[in-house]
Amino acid sequence: METLATVRPTTERLSSAAHQTVDKLADSARPAVDRLASNAHQAVDKIAEAAAATAARLSTQAEQLKATRERATQAASSYVHDNPLTALGIAVAAGFLLSRLLNSR
């Protein structure tokens, strides 16, 4: 029984020392982990800002392309309305050339 009486305090002392060591390691690692987390958050924020800016630019360009398409459609429609025979001749010539190009392959 005497060995049990000496083993228990030794075990408790070693256990306490191990806990203290783990606590010290955790305390010393915490600033590094906090720094890594902060850097990761900053990187994510920068990526999100870049993505938002790119999305805004693409949206603006899409609106500009849509407006350009609408103007071109309107101009073509007006031309066909004002010059139906010329438009028909251009369409026939374009169809003929396209047919020749596709059949030559």
PDB file of N, CA and C in Angstrom:
ATOM      1  N   MET A   1       0.803  -1.180   0.000  1.00  0.00           N
ATOM      2  CA  MET A   1       0.000   0.000   0.000  1.00  0.00           C
ATOM      3  C   MET A   1       0.854   1.255   0.000  1.00  0.00           C
ATOM      4  N   GLU A   2       2.037   1.126   0.543  1.00  0.00           N
ATOM      5  CA  GLU A   2       2.883   2.308   0.618  1.00  0.00           C
ATOM      6  C   GLU A   2       3.297   2.753  -0.780  1.00  0.00           C
ATOM      7  N   THR A   3       3.470   1.850  -1.695  1.00  0.00           N
ATOM      8  CA  THR A   3       3.813   2.252  -3.043  1.00  0.00           C
ATOM      9  C   THR A   3       2.671   3.013  -3.684  1.00  0.00           C
ATOM     10  N   LEU A   4       1.453   2.621  -3.417  1.00  0.00           N
ATOM     11  CA  LEU A   4       0.295   3.337  -3.942  1.00  0.00           C
ATOM     12  C   LEU A   4       0.258   4.743  -3.363  1.00  0.00           C
ATOM     13  N   ALA A   5       0.630   4.888  -2.129  1.00  0.00           N
ATOM     14  CA  ALA A   5       0.634   6.201  -1.478  1.00  0.00           C
ATOM     15  C   ALA A   5       1.719   7.093  -2.079  1.00  0.00           C
ATOM     16  N   THR A   6       2.804   6.533  -2.526  1.00  0.00           N
ATOM     17  CA  THR A   6       3.856   7.368  -3.134  1.00  0.00           C
ATOM     18  C   THR A   6       3.619   7.578  -4.627  1.00  0.00           C
ATOM     19  N   VAL A   7       2.937   6.611  -5.256  1.00  0.00           N
ATOM     20  CA  VAL A   7       2.680   6.719  -6.690  1.00  0.00           C
ATOM     21  C   VAL A   7       1.644   7.801  -6.971  1.00  0.00           C
ATOM     22  N   ARG A   8       0.605   7.856  -6.146  1.00  0.00           N
ATOM     23  CA  ARG A   8      -0.471   8.826  -6.396  1.00  0.00           C
ATOM     24  C   ARG A   8       0.036  10.270  -6.365  1.00  0.00           C
ATOM     25  N   PRO A   9       0.793  10.709  -5.369  1.00  0.00           N
ATOM     26  CA  PRO A   9       1.280  12.093  -5.398  1.00  0.00           C
ATOM     27  C   PRO A   9       2.218  12.353  -6.563  1.00  0.00           C
ATOM     28  N   THR A  10       3.016  11.353  -6.903  1.00  0.00           N
ATOM     29  CA  THR A  10       3.927  11.526  -8.037  1.00  0.00           C
ATOM     30  C   THR A  10       3.128  11.671  -9.326  1.00  0.00           C
ATOM     31  N   THR A  11       2.136  10.849  -9.476  1.00  0.00           N
ATOM     32  CA  THR A  11       1.285  10.919 -10.668  1.00  0.00           C
ATOM     33  C   THR A  11       0.572  12.259 -10.741  1.00  0.00           C
ATOM     34  N   GLU A  12       0.054  12.713  -9.615  1.00  0.00           N
ATOM     35  CA  GLU A  12      -0.640  14.007  -9.585  1.00  0.00           C
ATOM     36  C   GLU A  12       0.327  15.154  -9.897  1.00  0.00           C
ATOM     37  N   ARG A  13       1.532  15.070  -9.376  1.00  0.00           N
ATOM     38  CA  ARG A  13       2.527  16.106  -9.630  1.00  0.00           C
ATOM     39  C   ARG A  13       2.903  16.118 -11.108  1.00  0.00           C
ATOM     40  N   LEU A  14       3.134  14.940 -11.695  1.00  0.00           N
ATOM     41  CA  LEU A  14       3.468  14.845 -13.113  1.00  0.00           C
ATOM     42  C   LEU A  14       2.301  15.311 -13.989  1.00  0.00           C
ATOM     43  N   SER A  15       1.108  14.933 -13.589  1.00  0.00           N
ATOM     44  CA  SER A  15      -0.078  15.357 -14.325  1.00  0.00           C
ATOM     45  C   SER A  15      -0.234  16.862 -14.279  1.00  0.00           C
ATOM     46  N   SER A  16      -0.014  17.443 -13.113  1.00  0.00           N
ATOM     47  CA  SER A  16      -0.104  18.891 -12.955  1.00  0.00           C
ATOM     48  C   SER A  16       0.967  19.587 -13.796  1.00  0.00           C
ATOM     49  N   ALA A  17       2.165  19.051 -13.794  1.00  0.00           N
ATOM     50  CA  ALA A  17       3.248  19.622 -14.597  1.00  0.00           C
ATOM     51  C   ALA A  17       2.928  19.513 -16.081  1.00  0.00           C
ATOM     52  N   ALA A  18       2.355  18.393 -16.500  1.00  0.00           N
ATOM     53  CA  ALA A  18       1.978  18.214 -17.910  1.00  0.00           C
ATOM     54  C   ALA A  18       0.902  19.223 -18.296  1.00  0.00           C
ATOM     55  N   HIS A  19      -0.080  19.431 -17.412  1.00  0.00           N
ATOM     56  CA  HIS A  19      -1.131  20.417 -17.689  1.00  0.00           C
ATOM     57  C   HIS A  19      -0.539  21.821 -17.801  1.00  0.00           C
ATOM     58  N   GLN A  20       0.380  22.144 -16.926  1.00  0.00           N
ATOM     59  CA  GLN A  20       1.009  23.466 -16.979  1.00  0.00           C
ATOM     60  C   GLN A  20       1.798  23.641 -18.288  1.00  0.00           C
ATOM     61  N   THR A  21       2.473  22.596 -18.691  1.00  0.00           N
ATOM     62  CA  THR A  21       3.235  22.657 -19.939  1.00  0.00           C
ATOM     63  C   THR A  21       2.297  22.849 -21.127  1.00  0.00           C
ATOM     64  N   VAL A  22       1.202  22.106 -21.136  1.00  0.00           N
ATOM     65  CA  VAL A  22       0.225  22.240 -22.219  1.00  0.00           C
ATOM     66  C   VAL A  22      -0.360  23.649 -22.226  1.00  0.00           C
ATOM     67  N   ASP A  23      -0.677  24.184 -21.049  1.00  0.00           N
ATOM     68  CA  ASP A  23      -1.218  25.546 -20.960  1.00  0.00           C
ATOM     69  C   ASP A  23      -0.208  26.570 -21.469  1.00  0.00           C
ATOM     70  N   LYS A  24       1.078  26.401 -21.121  1.00  0.00           N
ATOM     71  CA  LYS A  24       2.105  27.321 -21.601  1.00  0.00           C
ATOM     72  C   LYS A  24       2.230  27.241 -23.122  1.00  0.00           C
ATOM     73  N   LEU A  25       2.229  26.025 -23.648  1.00  0.00           N
ATOM     74  CA  LEU A  25       2.307  25.863 -25.105  1.00  0.00           C
ATOM     75  C   LEU A  25       1.107  26.496 -25.802  1.00  0.00           C
ATOM     76  N   ALA A  26      -0.068  26.285 -25.218  1.00  0.00           N
ATOM     77  CA  ALA A  26      -1.279  26.871 -25.807  1.00  0.00           C
ATOM     78  C   ALA A  26      -1.215  28.392 -25.754  1.00  0.00           C
ATOM     79  N   ASP A  27      -0.741  28.927 -24.633  1.00  0.00           N
ATOM     80  CA  ASP A  27      -0.625  30.385 -24.505  1.00  0.00           C
ATOM     81  C   ASP A  27       0.386  30.950 -25.490  1.00  0.00           C
ATOM     82  N   SER A  28       1.488  30.232 -25.708  1.00  0.00           N
ATOM     83  CA  SER A  28       2.497  30.740 -26.637  1.00  0.00           C
ATOM     84  C   SER A  28       2.049  30.568 -28.090  1.00  0.00           C
ATOM     85  N   ALA A  29       1.220  29.587 -28.368  1.00  0.00           N
ATOM     86  CA  ALA A  29       0.743  29.357 -29.734  1.00  0.00           C
ATOM     87  C   ALA A  29      -0.407  30.303 -30.084  1.00  0.00           C
ATOM     88  N   ARG A  30      -1.145  30.778 -29.107  1.00  0.00           N
ATOM     89  CA  ARG A  30      -2.318  31.614 -29.347  1.00  0.00           C
ATOM     90  C   ARG A  30      -2.001  32.861 -30.192  1.00  0.00           C
ATOM     91  N   PRO A  31      -0.929  33.624 -29.898  1.00  0.00           N
ATOM     92  CA  PRO A  31      -0.646  34.791 -30.743  1.00  0.00           C
ATOM     93  C   PRO A  31      -0.367  34.414 -32.200  1.00  0.00           C
ATOM     94  N   ALA A  32       0.325  33.317 -32.406  1.00  0.00           N
ATOM     95  CA  ALA A  32       0.614  32.889 -33.774  1.00  0.00           C
ATOM     96  C   ALA A  32      -0.677  32.481 -34.491  1.00  0.00           C
ATOM     97  N   VAL A  33      -1.536  31.778 -33.793  1.00  0.00           N
ATOM     98  CA  VAL A  33      -2.811  31.368 -34.377  1.00  0.00           C
ATOM     99  C   VAL A  33      -3.670  32.598 -34.662  1.00  0.00           C
ATOM    100  N   ASP A  34      -3.692  33.542 -33.729  1.00  0.00           N
ATOM    101  CA  ASP A  34      -4.450  34.782 -33.937  1.00  0.00           C
ATOM    102  C   ASP A  34      -3.911  35.554 -35.146  1.00  0.00           C
ATOM    103  N   ARG A  35      -2.581  35.607 -35.279  1.00  0.00           N
ATOM    104  CA  ARG A  35      -1.961  36.296 -36.398  1.00  0.00           C
ATOM    105  C   ARG A  35      -2.327  35.611 -37.719  1.00  0.00           C
ATOM    106  N   LEU A  36      -2.266  34.283 -37.726  1.00  0.00           N
ATOM    107  CA  LEU A  36      -2.640  33.537 -38.930  1.00  0.00           C
ATOM    108  C   LEU A  36      -4.105  33.765 -39.286  1.00  0.00           C
ATOM    109  N   ALA A  37      -4.966  33.748 -38.281  1.00  0.00           N
ATOM    110  CA  ALA A  37      -6.392  33.968 -38.532  1.00  0.00           C
ATOM    111  C   ALA A  37      -6.629  35.373 -39.074  1.00  0.00           C
ATOM    112  N   SER A  38      -5.936  36.351 -38.497  1.00  0.00           N
ATOM    113  CA  SER A  38      -6.078  37.732 -38.960  1.00  0.00           C
ATOM    114  C   SER A  38      -5.618  37.863 -40.407  1.00  0.00           C
ATOM    115  N   ASN A  39      -4.479  37.273 -40.737  1.00  0.00           N
ATOM    116  CA  ASN A  39      -3.973  37.313 -42.109  1.00  0.00           C
ATOM    117  C   ASN A  39      -4.933  36.619 -43.077  1.00  0.00           C
ATOM    118  N   ALA A  40      -5.508  35.509 -42.635  1.00  0.00           N
ATOM    119  CA  ALA A  40      -6.465  34.786 -43.478  1.00  0.00           C
ATOM    120  C   ALA A  40      -7.709  35.639 -43.712  1.00  0.00           C
ATOM    121  N   HIS A  41      -8.189  36.311 -42.672  1.00  0.00           N
ATOM    122  CA  HIS A  41      -9.355  37.189 -42.825  1.00  0.00           C
ATOM    123  C   HIS A  41      -9.044  38.336 -43.789  1.00  0.00           C
ATOM    124  N   GLN A  42      -7.864  38.913 -43.674  1.00  0.00           N
ATOM    125  CA  GLN A  42      -7.479  40.007 -44.569  1.00  0.00           C
ATOM    126  C   GLN A  42      -7.410  39.531 -46.014  1.00  0.00           C
ATOM    127  N   ALA A  43      -6.874  38.344 -46.215  1.00  0.00           N
ATOM    128  CA  ALA A  43      -6.779  37.797 -47.578  1.00  0.00           C
ATOM    129  C   ALA A  43      -8.169  37.566 -48.159  1.00  0.00           C
ATOM    130  N   VAL A  44      -9.063  37.012 -47.348  1.00  0.00           N
ATOM    131  CA  VAL A  44     -10.431  36.779 -47.809  1.00  0.00           C
ATOM    132  C   VAL A  44     -11.114  38.102 -48.134  1.00  0.00           C
ATOM    133  N   ASP A  45     -10.901  39.118 -47.299  1.00  0.00           N
ATOM    134  CA  ASP A  45     -11.492  40.436 -47.560  1.00  0.00           C
ATOM    135  C   ASP A  45     -10.983  41.020 -48.863  1.00  0.00           C
ATOM    136  N   LYS A  46      -9.667  40.901 -49.126  1.00  0.00           N
ATOM    137  CA  LYS A  46      -9.104  41.419 -50.374  1.00  0.00           C
ATOM    138  C   LYS A  46      -9.682  40.688 -51.577  1.00  0.00           C
ATOM    139  N   ILE A  47      -9.812  39.384 -51.477  1.00  0.00           N
ATOM    140  CA  ILE A  47     -10.374  38.597 -52.578  1.00  0.00           C
ATOM    141  C   ILE A  47     -11.834  38.988 -52.810  1.00  0.00           C
ATOM    142  N   ALA A  48     -12.577  39.171 -51.729  1.00  0.00           N
ATOM    143  CA  ALA A  48     -13.985  39.569 -51.863  1.00  0.00           C
ATOM    144  C   ALA A  48     -14.103  40.945 -52.506  1.00  0.00           C
ATOM    145  N   GLU A  49     -13.228  41.874 -52.117  1.00  0.00           N
ATOM    146  CA  GLU A  49     -13.250  43.213 -52.719  1.00  0.00           C
ATOM    147  C   GLU A  49     -12.933  43.144 -54.208  1.00  0.00           C
ATOM    148  N   ALA A  50     -11.936  42.349 -54.559  1.00  0.00           N
ATOM    149  CA  ALA A  50     -11.561  42.209 -55.965  1.00  0.00           C
ATOM    150  C   ALA A  50     -12.700  41.581 -56.765  1.00  0.00           C
ATOM    151  N   ALA A  51     -13.349  40.580 -56.199  1.00  0.00           N
ATOM    152  CA  ALA A  51     -14.465  39.928 -56.882  1.00  0.00           C
ATOM    153  C   ALA A  51     -15.629  40.899 -57.058  1.00  0.00           C
ATOM    154  N   ALA A  52     -15.906  41.714 -56.049  1.00  0.00           N
ATOM    155  CA  ALA A  52     -16.999  42.686 -56.143  1.00  0.00           C
ATOM    156  C   ALA A  52     -16.689  43.733 -57.207  1.00  0.00           C
ATOM    157  N   ALA A  53     -15.442  44.197 -57.248  1.00  0.00           N
ATOM    158  CA  ALA A  53     -15.057  45.190 -58.252  1.00  0.00           C
ATOM    159  C   ALA A  53     -15.162  44.596 -59.664  1.00  0.00           C
ATOM    160  N   THR A  54     -14.721  43.362 -59.819  1.00  0.00           N
ATOM    161  CA  THR A  54     -14.800  42.693 -61.119  1.00  0.00           C
ATOM    162  C   THR A  54     -16.260  42.501 -61.534  1.00  0.00           C
ATOM    163  N   ALA A  55     -17.095  42.104 -60.600  1.00  0.00           N
ATOM    164  CA  ALA A  55     -18.522  41.922 -60.901  1.00  0.00           C
ATOM    165  C   ALA A  55     -19.157  43.244 -61.315  1.00  0.00           C
ATOM    166  N   ALA A  56     -18.793  44.328 -60.638  1.00  0.00           N
ATOM    167  CA  ALA A  56     -19.337  45.641 -60.998  1.00  0.00           C
ATOM    168  C   ALA A  56     -18.889  46.047 -62.401  1.00  0.00           C
ATOM    169  N   ARG A  57     -17.605  45.815 -62.713  1.00  0.00           N
ATOM    170  CA  ARG A  57     -17.084  46.132 -64.046  1.00  0.00           C
ATOM    171  C   ARG A  57     -17.795  45.310 -65.122  1.00  0.00           C
ATOM    172  N   LEU A  58     -17.972  44.017 -64.851  1.00  0.00           N
ATOM    173  CA  LEU A  58     -18.640  43.149 -65.821  1.00  0.00           C
ATOM    174  C   LEU A  58     -20.095  43.557 -66.019  1.00  0.00           C
ATOM    175  N   SER A  59     -20.734  43.964 -64.963  1.00  0.00           N
ATOM    176  CA  SER A  59     -22.123  44.413 -65.057  1.00  0.00           C
ATOM    177  C   SER A  59     -22.222  45.663 -65.915  1.00  0.00           C
ATOM    178  N   THR A  60     -21.305  46.594 -65.708  1.00  0.00           N
ATOM    179  CA  THR A  60     -21.288  47.822 -66.509  1.00  0.00           C
ATOM    180  C   THR A  60     -21.030  47.497 -67.972  1.00  0.00           C
ATOM    181  N   GLN A  61     -20.076  46.616 -68.232  1.00  0.00           N
ATOM    182  CA  GLN A  61     -19.760  46.237 -69.615  1.00  0.00           C
ATOM    183  C   GLN A  61     -20.938  45.513 -70.262  1.00  0.00           C
ATOM    184  N   ALA A  62     -21.632  44.689 -69.493  1.00  0.00           N
ATOM    185  CA  ALA A  62     -22.805  43.983 -70.030  1.00  0.00           C
ATOM    186  C   ALA A  62     -23.891  44.981 -70.410  1.00  0.00           C
ATOM    187  N   GLU A  63     -24.101  45.996 -69.585  1.00  0.00           N
ATOM    188  CA  GLU A  63     -25.093  47.021 -69.900  1.00  0.00           C
ATOM    189  C   GLU A  63     -24.693  47.793 -71.156  1.00  0.00           C
ATOM    190  N   GLN A  64     -23.393  48.096 -71.291  1.00  0.00           N
ATOM    191  CA  GLN A  64     -22.918  48.804 -72.472  1.00  0.00           C
ATOM    192  C   GLN A  64     -23.095  47.952 -73.724  1.00  0.00           C
ATOM    193  N   LEU A  65     -22.784  46.665 -73.627  1.00  0.00           N
ATOM    194  CA  LEU A  65     -22.966  45.767 -74.776  1.00  0.00           C
ATOM    195  C   LEU A  65     -24.433  45.651 -75.162  1.00  0.00           C
ATOM    196  N   LYS A  66     -25.296  45.599 -74.174  1.00  0.00           N
ATOM    197  CA  LYS A  66     -26.732  45.516 -74.445  1.00  0.00           C
ATOM    198  C   LYS A  66     -27.205  46.775 -75.162  1.00  0.00           C
ATOM    199  N   ALA A  67     -26.753  47.929 -74.703  1.00  0.00           N
ATOM    200  CA  ALA A  67     -27.135  49.188 -75.349  1.00  0.00           C
ATOM    201  C   ALA A  67     -26.599  49.243 -76.778  1.00  0.00           C
ATOM    202  N   THR A  68     -25.371  48.790 -76.989  1.00  0.00           N
ATOM    203  CA  THR A  68     -24.781  48.769 -78.326  1.00  0.00           C
ATOM    204  C   THR A  68     -25.563  47.835 -79.245  1.00  0.00           C
ATOM    205  N   ARG A  69     -25.920  46.677 -78.725  1.00  0.00           N
ATOM    206  CA  ARG A  69     -26.712  45.712 -79.519  1.00  0.00           C
ATOM    207  C   ARG A  69     -28.059  46.306 -79.903  1.00  0.00           C
ATOM    208  N   GLU A  70     -28.699  46.982 -78.950  1.00  0.00           N
ATOM    209  CA  GLU A  70     -29.996  47.589 -79.239  1.00  0.00           C
ATOM    210  C   GLU A  70     -29.868  48.686 -80.301  1.00  0.00           C
ATOM    211  N   ARG A  71     -28.796  49.497 -80.226  1.00  0.00           N
ATOM    212  CA  ARG A  71     -28.575  50.542 -81.235  1.00  0.00           C
ATOM    213  C   ARG A  71     -28.322  49.927 -82.605  1.00  0.00           C
ATOM    214  N   ALA A  72     -27.495  48.867 -82.645  1.00  0.00           N
ATOM    215  CA  ALA A  72     -27.192  48.211 -83.928  1.00  0.00           C
ATOM    216  C   ALA A  72     -28.452  47.576 -84.517  1.00  0.00           C
ATOM    217  N   THR A  73     -29.259  46.952 -83.686  1.00  0.00           N
ATOM    218  CA  THR A  73     -30.506  46.353 -84.152  1.00  0.00           C
ATOM    219  C   THR A  73     -31.438  47.426 -84.702  1.00  0.00           C
ATOM    220  N   GLN A  74     -31.538  48.521 -83.976  1.00  0.00           N
ATOM    221  CA  GLN A  74     -32.390  49.622 -84.416  1.00  0.00           C
ATOM    222  C   GLN A  74     -31.881  50.209 -85.741  1.00  0.00           C
ATOM    223  N   ALA A  75     -30.566  50.391 -85.860  1.00  0.00           N
ATOM    224  CA  ALA A  75     -29.998  50.933 -87.098  1.00  0.00           C
ATOM    225  C   ALA A  75     -30.240  49.992 -88.267  1.00  0.00           C
ATOM    226  N   ALA A  76     -30.053  48.683 -88.035  1.00  0.00           N
ATOM    227  CA  ALA A  76     -30.285  47.707 -89.105  1.00  0.00           C
ATOM    228  C   ALA A  76     -31.751  47.687 -89.507  1.00  0.00           C
ATOM    229  N   SER A  77     -32.617  47.738 -88.518  1.00  0.00           N
ATOM    230  CA  SER A  77     -34.055  47.741 -88.798  1.00  0.00           C
ATOM    231  C   SER A  77     -34.450  48.975 -89.602  1.00  0.00           C
ATOM    232  N   SER A  78     -33.906  50.116 -89.231  1.00  0.00           N
ATOM    233  CA  SER A  78     -34.198  51.356 -89.960  1.00  0.00           C
ATOM    234  C   SER A  78     -33.671  51.272 -91.387  1.00  0.00           C
ATOM    235  N   TYR A  79     -32.471  50.731 -91.561  1.00  0.00           N
ATOM    236  CA  TYR A  79     -31.880  50.605 -92.894  1.00  0.00           C
ATOM    237  C   TYR A  79     -32.738  49.702 -93.772  1.00  0.00           C
ATOM    238  N   VAL A  80     -33.159  48.557 -93.218  1.00  0.00           N
ATOM    239  CA  VAL A  80     -33.977  47.619 -93.986  1.00  0.00           C
ATOM    240  C   VAL A  80     -35.313  48.281 -94.332  1.00  0.00           C
ATOM    241  N   HIS A  81     -35.873  49.017 -93.408  1.00  0.00           N
ATOM    242  CA  HIS A  81     -37.150  49.693 -93.655  1.00  0.00           C
ATOM    243  C   HIS A  81     -37.003  50.759 -94.744  1.00  0.00           C
ATOM    244  N   ASP A  82     -35.895  51.515 -94.703  1.00  0.00           N
ATOM    245  CA  ASP A  82     -35.687  52.597 -95.674  1.00  0.00           C
ATOM    246  C   ASP A  82     -35.178  52.088 -97.023  1.00  0.00           C
ATOM    247  N   ASN A  83     -34.461  50.961 -97.043  1.00  0.00           N
ATOM    248  CA  ASN A  83     -33.851  50.428 -98.276  1.00  0.00           C
ATOM    249  C   ASN A  83     -34.130  48.936 -98.395  1.00  0.00           C
ATOM    250  N   PRO A  84     -35.365  48.545 -98.628  1.00  0.00           N
ATOM    251  CA  PRO A  84     -35.674  47.104 -98.617  1.00  0.00           C
ATOM    252  C   PRO A  84     -34.983  46.324 -99.743  1.00  0.00           C
ATOM    253  N   LEU A  85     -34.904  46.877-100.931  1.00  0.00           N
ATOM    254  CA  LEU A  85     -34.286  46.135-102.042  1.00  0.00           C
ATOM    255  C   LEU A  85     -32.780  45.992-101.849  1.00  0.00           C
ATOM    256  N   THR A  86     -32.139  47.057-101.378  1.00  0.00           N
ATOM    257  CA  THR A  86     -30.705  46.994-101.122  1.00  0.00           C
ATOM    258  C   THR A  86     -30.414  45.985-100.008  1.00  0.00           C
ATOM    259  N   ALA A  87     -31.233  46.013 -98.953  1.00  0.00           N
ATOM    260  CA  ALA A  87     -31.049  45.074 -97.832  1.00  0.00           C
ATOM    261  C   ALA A  87     -31.227  43.641 -98.309  1.00  0.00           C
ATOM    262  N   LEU A  88     -32.216  43.416 -99.190  1.00  0.00           N
ATOM    263  CA  LEU A  88     -32.434  42.074 -99.730  1.00  0.00           C
ATOM    264  C   LEU A  88     -31.237  41.636-100.564  1.00  0.00           C
ATOM    265  N   GLY A  89     -30.695  42.539-101.375  1.00  0.00           N
ATOM    266  CA  GLY A  89     -29.515  42.217-102.183  1.00  0.00           C
ATOM    267  C   GLY A  89     -28.307  41.888-101.314  1.00  0.00           C
ATOM    268  N   ILE A  90     -28.121  42.660-100.255  1.00  0.00           N
ATOM    269  CA  ILE A  90     -27.004  42.389 -99.330  1.00  0.00           C
ATOM    270  C   ILE A  90     -27.184  41.035 -98.664  1.00  0.00           C
ATOM    271  N   ALA A  91     -28.406  40.720 -98.267  1.00  0.00           N
ATOM    272  CA  ALA A  91     -28.672  39.430 -97.610  1.00  0.00           C
ATOM    273  C   ALA A  91     -28.409  38.266 -98.563  1.00  0.00           C
ATOM    274  N   VAL A  92     -28.833  38.408 -99.812  1.00  0.00           N
ATOM    275  CA  VAL A  92     -28.614  37.340-100.796  1.00  0.00           C
ATOM    276  C   VAL A  92     -27.115  37.172-101.042  1.00  0.00           C
ATOM    277  N   ALA A  93     -26.391  38.278-101.217  1.00  0.00           N
ATOM    278  CA  ALA A  93     -24.946  38.207-101.456  1.00  0.00           C
ATOM    279  C   ALA A  93     -24.222  37.586-100.261  1.00  0.00           C
ATOM    280  N   ALA A  94     -24.600  37.975 -99.068  1.00  0.00           N
ATOM    281  CA  ALA A  94     -23.969  37.410 -97.871  1.00  0.00           C
ATOM    282  C   ALA A  94     -24.261  35.924 -97.757  1.00  0.00           C
ATOM    283  N   GLY A  95     -25.488  35.511 -98.053  1.00  0.00           N
ATOM    284  CA  GLY A  95     -25.845  34.092 -98.027  1.00  0.00           C
ATOM    285  C   GLY A  95     -25.064  33.293 -99.048  1.00  0.00           C
ATOM    286  N   PHE A  96     -24.904  33.864-100.240  1.00  0.00           N
ATOM    287  CA  PHE A  96     -24.146  33.197-101.295  1.00  0.00           C
ATOM    288  C   PHE A  96     -22.690  33.007-100.870  1.00  0.00           C
ATOM    289  N   LEU A  97     -22.064  34.094-100.355  1.00  0.00           N
ATOM    290  CA  LEU A  97     -20.662  34.002 -99.925  1.00  0.00           C
ATOM    291  C   LEU A  97     -20.490  33.014 -98.772  1.00  0.00           C
ATOM    292  N   LEU A  98     -21.387  33.046 -97.840  1.00  0.00           N
ATOM    293  CA  LEU A  98     -21.317  32.127 -96.699  1.00  0.00           C
ATOM    294  C   LEU A  98     -21.468  30.682 -97.186  1.00  0.00           C
ATOM    295  N   SER A  99     -22.367  30.448 -98.117  1.00  0.00           N
ATOM    296  CA  SER A  99     -22.558  29.120 -98.668  1.00  0.00           C
ATOM    297  C   SER A  99     -21.299  28.621 -99.364  1.00  0.00           C
ATOM    298  N   ARG A 100     -20.653  29.492-100.124  1.00  0.00           N
ATOM    299  CA  ARG A 100     -19.420  29.107-100.825  1.00  0.00           C
ATOM    300  C   ARG A 100     -18.303  28.793 -99.831  1.00  0.00           C
ATOM    301  N   LEU A 101     -18.206  29.615 -98.796  1.00  0.00           N
ATOM    302  CA  LEU A 101     -17.164  29.393 -97.788  1.00  0.00           C
ATOM    303  C   LEU A 101     -17.366  28.063 -97.061  1.00  0.00           C
ATOM    304  N   LEU A 102     -18.603  27.772 -96.707  1.00  0.00           N
ATOM    305  CA  LEU A 102     -18.874  26.537 -95.968  1.00  0.00           C
ATOM    306  C   LEU A 102     -18.756  25.297 -96.849  1.00  0.00           C
ATOM    307  N   ASN A 103     -19.096  25.406 -98.112  1.00  0.00           N
ATOM    308  CA  ASN A 103     -19.024  24.245 -99.014  1.00  0.00           C
ATOM    309  C   ASN A 103     -17.602  23.992 -99.504  1.00  0.00           C
ATOM    310  N   SER A 104     -16.731  24.982 -99.432  1.00  0.00           N
ATOM    311  CA  SER A 104     -15.348  24.787 -99.910  1.00  0.00           C
ATOM    312  C   SER A 104     -14.532  23.957 -98.935  1.00  0.00           C
ATOM    313  N   ARG A 105     -15.008  23.727 -97.799  1.00  0.00           N
ATOM    314  CA  ARG A 105     -14.257  22.948 -96.788  1.00  0.00           C
ATOM    315  C   ARG A 105     -14.517  21.524 -96.961  1.00  0.00           C
TER     316      ARG A 105
END
